[in-house]
Amino acid sequence: MITSIVLIKTDVDQIPETAEKIAALEGVSEVYSVTGAHDLIAMVRVARHDDLADIITGQISKLPGVASTETHIAFRTYSQHDLEAAFAIGLDG
C-alpha cells in the first residue's frame, strides 16, 4: 500500500464543500481541515504509483475550489497503534 499526504490550498469560502468532494474520491481515506499555510490535508492510499497520478493530478487538482496541491509520499508508516499491537502479541489479558 502506498500512502501519500496531499497538502491542499483551496478557496477559503469553499473549504467544507471541497473537503467533502475530496473525501468522496476512491483512494482518499481521510481529509483534514487544518490551520497554517494549507487549508486541507488528504491521506491517499493506493496499491500502485500510477493510481496516485490518477487521483491527485487527475481528480483532486481539477476539483473546483482547489487552488494548488503539494504531495508527499510516505516511505514508512510508524503508528502507536501498530506498536501497541506488536507488544501485545502473546500476552493474555
N, C-alpha and C. Protein backbone atom coordinates (compact mmCIF):
# COMPACT_ATOMS: atom_id res chain seq x y z
N MET A 1 0.84 -1.17 0.00
CA MET A 1 0.00 0.00 0.00
C MET A 1 0.89 1.24 0.00
N ILE A 2 0.64 2.15 -0.89
CA ILE A 2 1.39 3.41 -0.98
C ILE A 2 0.54 4.49 -0.33
N THR A 3 1.15 5.21 0.62
CA THR A 3 0.45 6.28 1.31
C THR A 3 1.03 7.61 0.87
N SER A 4 0.15 8.54 0.55
CA SER A 4 0.55 9.87 0.13
C SER A 4 -0.18 10.90 0.98
N ILE A 5 0.55 11.93 1.39
CA ILE A 5 -0.02 13.04 2.14
C ILE A 5 -0.10 14.21 1.17
N VAL A 6 -1.31 14.71 0.94
CA VAL A 6 -1.51 15.77 -0.04
C VAL A 6 -1.93 17.05 0.70
N LEU A 7 -1.07 18.06 0.62
CA LEU A 7 -1.37 19.37 1.21
C LEU A 7 -2.10 20.19 0.16
N ILE A 8 -3.25 20.75 0.55
CA ILE A 8 -4.13 21.39 -0.44
C ILE A 8 -4.47 22.81 -0.02
N LYS A 9 -4.32 23.74 -0.96
CA LYS A 9 -4.80 25.11 -0.77
C LYS A 9 -6.10 25.23 -1.55
N THR A 10 -7.10 25.83 -0.90
CA THR A 10 -8.41 25.96 -1.52
C THR A 10 -8.90 27.40 -1.46
N ASP A 11 -9.99 27.65 -2.17
CA ASP A 11 -10.68 28.92 -2.00
C ASP A 11 -11.27 28.88 -0.59
N VAL A 12 -10.98 29.90 0.22
CA VAL A 12 -11.36 29.88 1.63
C VAL A 12 -12.86 29.68 1.83
N ASP A 13 -13.66 30.24 0.97
CA ASP A 13 -15.11 30.11 1.14
C ASP A 13 -15.64 28.76 0.65
N GLN A 14 -14.74 27.88 0.17
CA GLN A 14 -15.14 26.57 -0.34
C GLN A 14 -14.54 25.40 0.44
N ILE A 15 -13.93 25.67 1.58
CA ILE A 15 -13.21 24.61 2.30
C ILE A 15 -14.10 23.40 2.64
N PRO A 16 -15.24 23.57 3.30
CA PRO A 16 -16.04 22.39 3.65
C PRO A 16 -16.53 21.61 2.43
N GLU A 17 -16.99 22.32 1.42
CA GLU A 17 -17.50 21.65 0.22
C GLU A 17 -16.38 20.92 -0.52
N THR A 18 -15.23 21.55 -0.61
CA THR A 18 -14.09 20.93 -1.28
C THR A 18 -13.62 19.71 -0.51
N ALA A 19 -13.56 19.81 0.81
CA ALA A 19 -13.14 18.68 1.64
C ALA A 19 -14.08 17.48 1.44
N GLU A 20 -15.36 17.73 1.38
CA GLU A 20 -16.33 16.65 1.19
C GLU A 20 -16.17 15.99 -0.18
N LYS A 21 -15.92 16.79 -1.21
CA LYS A 21 -15.71 16.23 -2.55
C LYS A 21 -14.45 15.38 -2.61
N ILE A 22 -13.39 15.85 -1.96
CA ILE A 22 -12.14 15.09 -1.94
C ILE A 22 -12.32 13.79 -1.16
N ALA A 23 -12.97 13.87 -0.02
CA ALA A 23 -13.19 12.68 0.82
C ALA A 23 -14.00 11.61 0.11
N ALA A 24 -14.82 12.00 -0.83
CA ALA A 24 -15.66 11.05 -1.56
C ALA A 24 -14.91 10.30 -2.66
N LEU A 25 -13.69 10.74 -2.99
CA LEU A 25 -12.93 10.10 -4.05
C LEU A 25 -12.37 8.75 -3.59
N GLU A 26 -12.42 7.77 -4.49
CA GLU A 26 -11.85 6.47 -4.19
C GLU A 26 -10.34 6.61 -4.01
N GLY A 27 -9.82 6.01 -2.95
CA GLY A 27 -8.39 6.10 -2.65
C GLY A 27 -8.07 7.12 -1.58
N VAL A 28 -8.99 8.05 -1.33
CA VAL A 28 -8.80 9.05 -0.29
C VAL A 28 -9.39 8.48 1.00
N SER A 29 -8.53 8.30 2.02
CA SER A 29 -9.01 7.70 3.26
C SER A 29 -9.47 8.73 4.28
N GLU A 30 -8.82 9.89 4.33
CA GLU A 30 -9.20 10.96 5.25
C GLU A 30 -8.90 12.31 4.62
N VAL A 31 -9.64 13.31 5.07
CA VAL A 31 -9.35 14.70 4.71
C VAL A 31 -9.46 15.50 6.00
N TYR A 32 -8.43 16.29 6.29
CA TYR A 32 -8.41 17.11 7.49
C TYR A 32 -8.43 18.58 7.11
N SER A 33 -9.25 19.36 7.78
CA SER A 33 -9.21 20.81 7.67
C SER A 33 -8.22 21.27 8.73
N VAL A 34 -7.21 22.06 8.31
CA VAL A 34 -6.10 22.40 9.21
C VAL A 34 -5.80 23.89 9.20
N THR A 35 -5.00 24.30 10.18
CA THR A 35 -4.50 25.67 10.21
C THR A 35 -3.15 25.70 9.53
N GLY A 36 -2.67 26.88 9.22
CA GLY A 36 -1.35 27.02 8.63
C GLY A 36 -1.40 27.41 7.17
N ALA A 37 -0.34 27.08 6.46
CA ALA A 37 -0.19 27.52 5.06
C ALA A 37 -1.15 26.80 4.12
N HIS A 38 -1.63 25.63 4.52
CA HIS A 38 -2.56 24.87 3.68
C HIS A 38 -3.92 24.79 4.37
N ASP A 39 -4.94 24.56 3.60
CA ASP A 39 -6.30 24.51 4.15
C ASP A 39 -6.75 23.10 4.47
N LEU A 40 -6.31 22.14 3.65
CA LEU A 40 -6.72 20.75 3.81
C LEU A 40 -5.52 19.83 3.68
N ILE A 41 -5.59 18.69 4.36
CA ILE A 41 -4.62 17.62 4.17
C ILE A 41 -5.41 16.36 3.87
N ALA A 42 -5.08 15.72 2.75
CA ALA A 42 -5.75 14.48 2.36
C ALA A 42 -4.76 13.34 2.44
N MET A 43 -5.23 12.22 2.97
CA MET A 43 -4.44 10.99 3.00
C MET A 43 -4.94 10.12 1.86
N VAL A 44 -4.04 9.78 0.96
CA VAL A 44 -4.40 8.95 -0.19
C VAL A 44 -3.64 7.64 -0.07
N ARG A 45 -4.38 6.54 -0.14
CA ARG A 45 -3.77 5.21 -0.02
C ARG A 45 -4.17 4.38 -1.23
N VAL A 46 -3.15 3.94 -1.97
CA VAL A 46 -3.41 3.20 -3.21
C VAL A 46 -2.43 2.02 -3.34
N ALA A 47 -2.70 1.14 -4.28
CA ALA A 47 -1.84 -0.02 -4.49
C ALA A 47 -0.68 0.29 -5.43
N ARG A 48 -0.87 1.22 -6.38
CA ARG A 48 0.15 1.48 -7.40
C ARG A 48 0.44 2.98 -7.51
N HIS A 49 1.68 3.32 -7.86
CA HIS A 49 2.06 4.72 -8.04
C HIS A 49 1.20 5.40 -9.11
N ASP A 50 0.88 4.67 -10.17
CA ASP A 50 0.06 5.25 -11.24
C ASP A 50 -1.28 5.72 -10.71
N ASP A 51 -1.80 5.04 -9.69
CA ASP A 51 -3.08 5.43 -9.10
C ASP A 51 -2.98 6.80 -8.43
N LEU A 52 -1.80 7.12 -7.90
CA LEU A 52 -1.61 8.45 -7.29
C LEU A 52 -1.82 9.55 -8.32
N ALA A 53 -1.24 9.38 -9.47
CA ALA A 53 -1.39 10.38 -10.53
C ALA A 53 -2.85 10.54 -10.92
N ASP A 54 -3.54 9.43 -11.03
CA ASP A 54 -4.96 9.49 -11.40
C ASP A 54 -5.78 10.26 -10.35
N ILE A 55 -5.51 9.98 -9.08
CA ILE A 55 -6.31 10.60 -8.02
C ILE A 55 -5.89 12.04 -7.77
N ILE A 56 -4.58 12.27 -7.63
CA ILE A 56 -4.12 13.61 -7.22
C ILE A 56 -4.15 14.60 -8.37
N THR A 57 -3.46 14.30 -9.47
CA THR A 57 -3.44 15.26 -10.57
C THR A 57 -4.68 15.15 -11.45
N GLY A 58 -5.23 13.95 -11.54
CA GLY A 58 -6.38 13.75 -12.41
C GLY A 58 -7.72 14.12 -11.80
N GLN A 59 -7.81 14.07 -10.45
CA GLN A 59 -9.09 14.35 -9.82
C GLN A 59 -9.03 15.49 -8.80
N ILE A 60 -8.18 15.34 -7.77
CA ILE A 60 -8.15 16.37 -6.72
C ILE A 60 -7.79 17.73 -7.29
N SER A 61 -6.73 17.81 -8.06
CA SER A 61 -6.27 19.10 -8.60
C SER A 61 -7.28 19.78 -9.51
N LYS A 62 -8.16 18.99 -10.10
CA LYS A 62 -9.14 19.54 -11.05
C LYS A 62 -10.47 19.91 -10.41
N LEU A 63 -10.63 19.64 -9.11
CA LEU A 63 -11.89 19.98 -8.45
C LEU A 63 -12.05 21.49 -8.33
N PRO A 64 -13.25 21.99 -8.55
CA PRO A 64 -13.49 23.43 -8.32
C PRO A 64 -13.18 23.77 -6.87
N GLY A 65 -12.47 24.86 -6.66
CA GLY A 65 -12.11 25.28 -5.32
C GLY A 65 -10.69 24.91 -4.92
N VAL A 66 -10.06 23.97 -5.63
CA VAL A 66 -8.69 23.58 -5.32
C VAL A 66 -7.75 24.52 -6.07
N ALA A 67 -6.94 25.27 -5.32
CA ALA A 67 -6.01 26.22 -5.92
C ALA A 67 -4.66 25.57 -6.22
N SER A 68 -4.17 24.70 -5.31
CA SER A 68 -2.89 24.03 -5.52
C SER A 68 -2.77 22.83 -4.60
N THR A 69 -1.87 21.92 -4.97
CA THR A 69 -1.58 20.76 -4.13
C THR A 69 -0.07 20.58 -4.01
N GLU A 70 0.33 19.96 -2.92
CA GLU A 70 1.72 19.57 -2.70
C GLU A 70 1.68 18.16 -2.15
N THR A 71 2.37 17.24 -2.80
CA THR A 71 2.25 15.82 -2.46
C THR A 71 3.53 15.29 -1.83
N HIS A 72 3.37 14.52 -0.75
CA HIS A 72 4.46 13.84 -0.08
C HIS A 72 4.13 12.36 -0.04
N ILE A 73 5.06 11.52 -0.49
CA ILE A 73 4.85 10.08 -0.47
C ILE A 73 5.60 9.50 0.72
N ALA A 74 4.90 8.69 1.51
CA ALA A 74 5.49 8.11 2.71
C ALA A 74 6.38 6.92 2.35
N PHE A 75 7.57 6.87 2.97
CA PHE A 75 8.45 5.71 2.82
C PHE A 75 8.03 4.59 3.76
N ARG A 76 7.75 4.97 5.02
CA ARG A 76 7.34 4.03 6.06
C ARG A 76 6.25 4.66 6.89
N THR A 77 5.50 3.79 7.54
CA THR A 77 4.46 4.26 8.45
C THR A 77 4.82 3.82 9.87
N TYR A 78 4.81 4.75 10.79
CA TYR A 78 5.03 4.46 12.21
C TYR A 78 3.75 4.86 12.92
N SER A 79 3.19 3.92 13.68
CA SER A 79 1.92 4.18 14.33
C SER A 79 1.94 3.65 15.75
N GLN A 80 1.45 4.44 16.68
CA GLN A 80 1.35 3.99 18.06
C GLN A 80 0.46 2.76 18.16
N HIS A 81 -0.59 2.71 17.34
CA HIS A 81 -1.49 1.56 17.34
C HIS A 81 -0.75 0.29 16.92
N ASP A 82 0.11 0.39 15.91
CA ASP A 82 0.88 -0.77 15.46
C ASP A 82 1.84 -1.23 16.54
N LEU A 83 2.49 -0.29 17.23
CA LEU A 83 3.43 -0.65 18.28
C LEU A 83 2.73 -1.34 19.44
N GLU A 84 1.57 -0.84 19.84
CA GLU A 84 0.81 -1.45 20.93
C GLU A 84 0.41 -2.87 20.57
N ALA A 85 -0.02 -3.09 19.34
CA ALA A 85 -0.42 -4.42 18.91
C ALA A 85 0.77 -5.38 18.91
N ALA A 86 1.93 -4.90 18.48
CA ALA A 86 3.12 -5.75 18.44
C ALA A 86 3.53 -6.18 19.84
N PHE A 87 3.48 -5.26 20.80
CA PHE A 87 3.87 -5.59 22.16
C PHE A 87 2.85 -6.48 22.86
N ALA A 88 1.62 -6.49 22.37
CA ALA A 88 0.56 -7.29 22.98
C ALA A 88 0.55 -8.73 22.49
N ILE A 89 1.33 -9.06 21.47
CA ILE A 89 1.34 -10.41 20.92
C ILE A 89 1.82 -11.38 22.00
N GLY A 90 1.03 -12.42 22.21
CA GLY A 90 1.41 -13.46 23.16
C GLY A 90 1.02 -13.17 24.60
N LEU A 91 0.48 -12.02 24.86
CA LEU A 91 0.06 -11.69 26.22
C LEU A 91 -1.38 -12.08 26.42
N ASP A 92 -1.67 -12.68 27.54
CA ASP A 92 -3.06 -12.99 27.88
C ASP A 92 -3.61 -11.83 28.68
N GLY A 93 -4.83 -11.49 28.42
CA GLY A 93 -5.32 -10.41 29.25
C GLY A 93 -6.56 -9.91 28.78
